């Protein structure tokens, strides 16, 4: 699902920065949800 849009450099940079921050965050949440901690 890749969409190519004529966006400005500033918008692309902001989207890239947000994506690189949100992706690891979602990954961490996914890990915590599907792999519960065995130790308290």
N, C-alpha and C. Protein backbone atom coordinates (compact mmCIF):
# COMPACT_ATOMS: atom_id res chain seq x y z
N UNK A 1 0.85 -1.19 0.00
CA UNK A 1 0.00 0.00 0.00
C UNK A 1 0.88 1.24 0.00
N UNK A 2 1.41 1.56 -1.17
CA UNK A 2 2.30 2.71 -1.30
C UNK A 2 1.63 3.77 -2.17
N UNK A 3 1.54 4.96 -1.65
CA UNK A 3 0.91 6.04 -2.40
C UNK A 3 1.92 7.15 -2.66
N UNK A 4 2.08 7.50 -3.92
CA UNK A 4 3.01 8.56 -4.29
C UNK A 4 2.25 9.88 -4.44
N UNK A 5 2.59 10.84 -3.60
CA UNK A 5 1.91 12.13 -3.65
C UNK A 5 2.92 13.26 -3.82
N UNK A 6 2.56 14.27 -4.60
CA UNK A 6 3.44 15.42 -4.82
C UNK A 6 3.49 16.32 -3.59
N UNK A 7 4.27 15.92 -2.60
CA UNK A 7 4.35 16.69 -1.36
C UNK A 7 5.65 17.47 -1.31
N UNK A 8 5.67 18.50 -0.46
CA UNK A 8 6.88 19.31 -0.32
C UNK A 8 7.93 18.58 0.48
N UNK A 9 9.16 19.07 0.42
CA UNK A 9 10.27 18.45 1.14
C UNK A 9 10.04 18.52 2.64
N UNK A 10 9.50 19.63 3.11
CA UNK A 10 9.27 19.81 4.55
C UNK A 10 8.23 18.81 5.05
N UNK A 11 7.19 18.60 4.25
CA UNK A 11 6.14 17.66 4.62
C UNK A 11 6.69 16.24 4.63
N UNK A 12 7.51 15.92 3.63
CA UNK A 12 8.09 14.59 3.54
C UNK A 12 9.02 14.33 4.72
N UNK A 13 9.82 15.34 5.08
CA UNK A 13 10.74 15.20 6.20
C UNK A 13 9.99 15.01 7.50
N UNK A 14 8.91 15.78 7.67
CA UNK A 14 8.12 15.68 8.90
C UNK A 14 7.45 14.32 8.99
N UNK A 15 6.92 13.83 7.87
CA UNK A 15 6.28 12.52 7.83
C UNK A 15 7.28 11.42 8.13
N UNK A 16 8.50 11.55 7.58
CA UNK A 16 9.54 10.56 7.79
C UNK A 16 9.97 10.53 9.25
N UNK A 17 10.12 11.71 9.85
CA UNK A 17 10.52 11.79 11.26
C UNK A 17 9.44 11.19 12.15
N UNK A 18 8.18 11.50 11.84
CA UNK A 18 7.06 10.97 12.62
C UNK A 18 6.98 9.46 12.46
N UNK A 19 7.20 8.97 11.23
CA UNK A 19 7.11 7.54 10.95
C UNK A 19 8.19 6.77 11.71
N UNK A 20 9.40 7.31 11.73
CA UNK A 20 10.51 6.62 12.40
C UNK A 20 10.32 6.63 13.91
N UNK A 21 9.44 7.52 14.41
CA UNK A 21 9.16 7.56 15.85
C UNK A 21 7.98 6.66 16.19
N UNK A 22 6.95 6.67 15.34
CA UNK A 22 5.73 5.92 15.61
C UNK A 22 5.93 4.42 15.39
N UNK A 23 6.67 4.06 14.35
CA UNK A 23 6.85 2.64 14.01
C UNK A 23 7.46 1.83 15.16
N UNK A 24 8.59 2.27 15.75
CA UNK A 24 9.15 1.53 16.89
C UNK A 24 8.19 1.54 18.08
N UNK A 25 7.43 2.62 18.24
CA UNK A 25 6.49 2.71 19.35
C UNK A 25 5.38 1.68 19.18
N UNK A 26 4.84 1.58 17.97
CA UNK A 26 3.81 0.59 17.70
C UNK A 26 4.36 -0.82 17.84
N UNK A 27 5.61 -1.01 17.45
CA UNK A 27 6.25 -2.32 17.59
C UNK A 27 6.37 -2.70 19.06
N UNK A 28 6.74 -1.74 19.91
CA UNK A 28 6.87 -1.99 21.34
C UNK A 28 5.51 -2.35 21.93
N UNK A 29 4.47 -1.62 21.54
CA UNK A 29 3.12 -1.90 22.04
C UNK A 29 2.66 -3.28 21.58
N UNK A 30 2.96 -3.62 20.33
CA UNK A 30 2.60 -4.92 19.78
C UNK A 30 3.27 -6.04 20.55
N UNK A 31 4.55 -5.85 20.85
CA UNK A 31 5.31 -6.85 21.60
C UNK A 31 4.73 -7.03 22.99
N UNK A 32 4.40 -5.92 23.66
CA UNK A 32 3.86 -5.99 25.02
C UNK A 32 2.48 -6.65 25.03
N UNK A 33 1.70 -6.40 23.99
CA UNK A 33 0.34 -6.95 23.93
C UNK A 33 0.35 -8.45 23.62
N UNK A 34 1.22 -8.87 22.71
CA UNK A 34 1.20 -10.26 22.27
C UNK A 34 2.18 -11.13 23.04
N UNK A 35 3.14 -10.50 23.71
CA UNK A 35 4.11 -11.25 24.50
C UNK A 35 4.16 -10.68 25.91
N UNK A 36 3.20 -11.10 26.76
CA UNK A 36 3.15 -10.58 28.13
C UNK A 36 4.40 -10.94 28.91
N UNK A 37 4.79 -10.03 29.80
CA UNK A 37 5.99 -10.26 30.60
C UNK A 37 5.76 -11.41 31.57
N UNK A 38 6.69 -12.37 31.61
CA UNK A 38 6.56 -13.51 32.50
C UNK A 38 7.01 -13.14 33.91
N UNK A 39 7.91 -12.17 34.02
CA UNK A 39 8.38 -11.73 35.33
C UNK A 39 7.71 -10.41 35.69
N UNK A 40 7.33 -10.28 36.94
CA UNK A 40 6.61 -9.07 37.37
C UNK A 40 7.56 -7.87 37.33
